[in-house]
């Protein structure tokens, strides 16, 4: 189980980099950044209003 967790952590490091870069532009909306990433990584559609 630990090997699987280590493998997942190693393969998903790019997500933190993307989150940090998006957070530099979209300030104070960490929940929205997370939801945008989920939509993008799942090849889904995201509707932004604001």
C-alpha atoms as a PDB file:
ATOM      1  CA  UNK A   1       0.000   0.000   0.000  1.00  0.00           C
ATOM      2  CA  UNK A   2       2.856   2.388   0.790  1.00  0.00           C
ATOM      3  CA  UNK A   3       4.415   1.685  -2.589  1.00  0.00           C
ATOM      4  CA  UNK A   4       1.155   2.611  -4.296  1.00  0.00           C
ATOM      5  CA  UNK A   5       0.876   5.835  -2.296  1.00  0.00           C
ATOM      6  CA  UNK A   6       4.459   6.743  -3.168  1.00  0.00           C
ATOM      7  CA  UNK A   7       3.816   6.046  -6.855  1.00  0.00           C
ATOM      8  CA  UNK A   8       0.683   8.211  -6.877  1.00  0.00           C
ATOM      9  CA  UNK A   9       2.484  11.031  -5.065  1.00  0.00           C
ATOM     10  CA  UNK A  10       5.355  10.929  -7.553  1.00  0.00           C
ATOM     11  CA  UNK A  11       3.080  10.951 -10.601  1.00  0.00           C
ATOM     12  CA  UNK A  12       0.845  13.746  -9.313  1.00  0.00           C
ATOM     13  CA  UNK A  13       3.509  16.313  -8.436  1.00  0.00           C
ATOM     14  CA  UNK A  14       2.713  18.318 -11.561  1.00  0.00           C
ATOM     15  CA  UNK A  15      -0.729  19.113 -10.144  1.00  0.00           C
ATOM     16  CA  UNK A  16       0.812  21.154  -7.329  1.00  0.00           C
ATOM     17  CA  UNK A  17       2.861  23.111  -9.850  1.00  0.00           C
ATOM     18  CA  UNK A  18      -0.223  23.857 -11.942  1.00  0.00           C
ATOM     19  CA  UNK A  19      -2.211  24.814  -8.832  1.00  0.00           C
ATOM     20  CA  UNK A  20       0.530  27.214  -7.742  1.00  0.00           C
ATOM     21  CA  UNK A  21       0.711  28.884 -11.156  1.00  0.00           C
ATOM     22  CA  UNK A  22      -3.059  29.231 -11.399  1.00  0.00           C
ATOM     23  CA  UNK A  23      -3.115  30.610  -7.859  1.00  0.00           C
ATOM     24  CA  UNK A  24      -0.800  33.408  -8.928  1.00  0.00           C
ATOM     25  CA  UNK A  25      -3.449  34.645 -11.369  1.00  0.00           C
ATOM     26  CA  UNK A  26      -6.649  33.654  -9.574  1.00  0.00           C
ATOM     27  CA  UNK A  27      -6.029  35.134  -6.123  1.00  0.00           C
ATOM     28  CA  UNK A  28      -8.150  34.157  -3.131  1.00  0.00           C
ATOM     29  CA  UNK A  29     -10.157  31.494  -4.946  1.00  0.00           C
ATOM     30  CA  UNK A  30      -8.397  28.248  -4.035  1.00  0.00           C
ATOM     31  CA  UNK A  31     -11.654  26.272  -4.174  1.00  0.00           C
ATOM     32  CA  UNK A  32     -12.331  27.483  -7.680  1.00  0.00           C
ATOM     33  CA  UNK A  33      -8.772  26.641  -8.745  1.00  0.00           C
ATOM     34  CA  UNK A  34      -9.223  23.098  -7.431  1.00  0.00           C
ATOM     35  CA  UNK A  35     -12.524  22.695  -9.271  1.00  0.00           C
ATOM     36  CA  UNK A  36     -11.006  24.052 -12.477  1.00  0.00           C
ATOM     37  CA  UNK A  37      -8.186  21.537 -12.222  1.00  0.00           C
ATOM     38  CA  UNK A  38     -10.632  18.698 -11.667  1.00  0.00           C
ATOM     39  CA  UNK A  39     -12.565  19.730 -14.761  1.00  0.00           C
ATOM     40  CA  UNK A  40      -9.435  20.080 -16.865  1.00  0.00           C
ATOM     41  CA  UNK A  41      -7.864  16.807 -15.745  1.00  0.00           C
ATOM     42  CA  UNK A  42     -11.130  14.933 -16.301  1.00  0.00           C
ATOM     43  CA  UNK A  43     -11.512  16.378 -19.826  1.00  0.00           C
ATOM     44  CA  UNK A  44     -14.742  18.008 -18.736  1.00  0.00           C
ATOM     45  CA  UNK A  45     -16.380  21.356 -19.266  1.00  0.00           C
ATOM     46  CA  UNK A  46     -16.162  24.199 -16.792  1.00  0.00           C
ATOM     47  CA  UNK A  47     -18.495  27.189 -16.711  1.00  0.00           C
ATOM     48  CA  UNK A  48     -17.034  30.263 -15.048  1.00  0.00           C
ATOM     49  CA  UNK A  49     -19.305  33.026 -13.854  1.00  0.00           C
ATOM     50  CA  UNK A  50     -18.349  36.102 -12.013  1.00  0.00           C
END
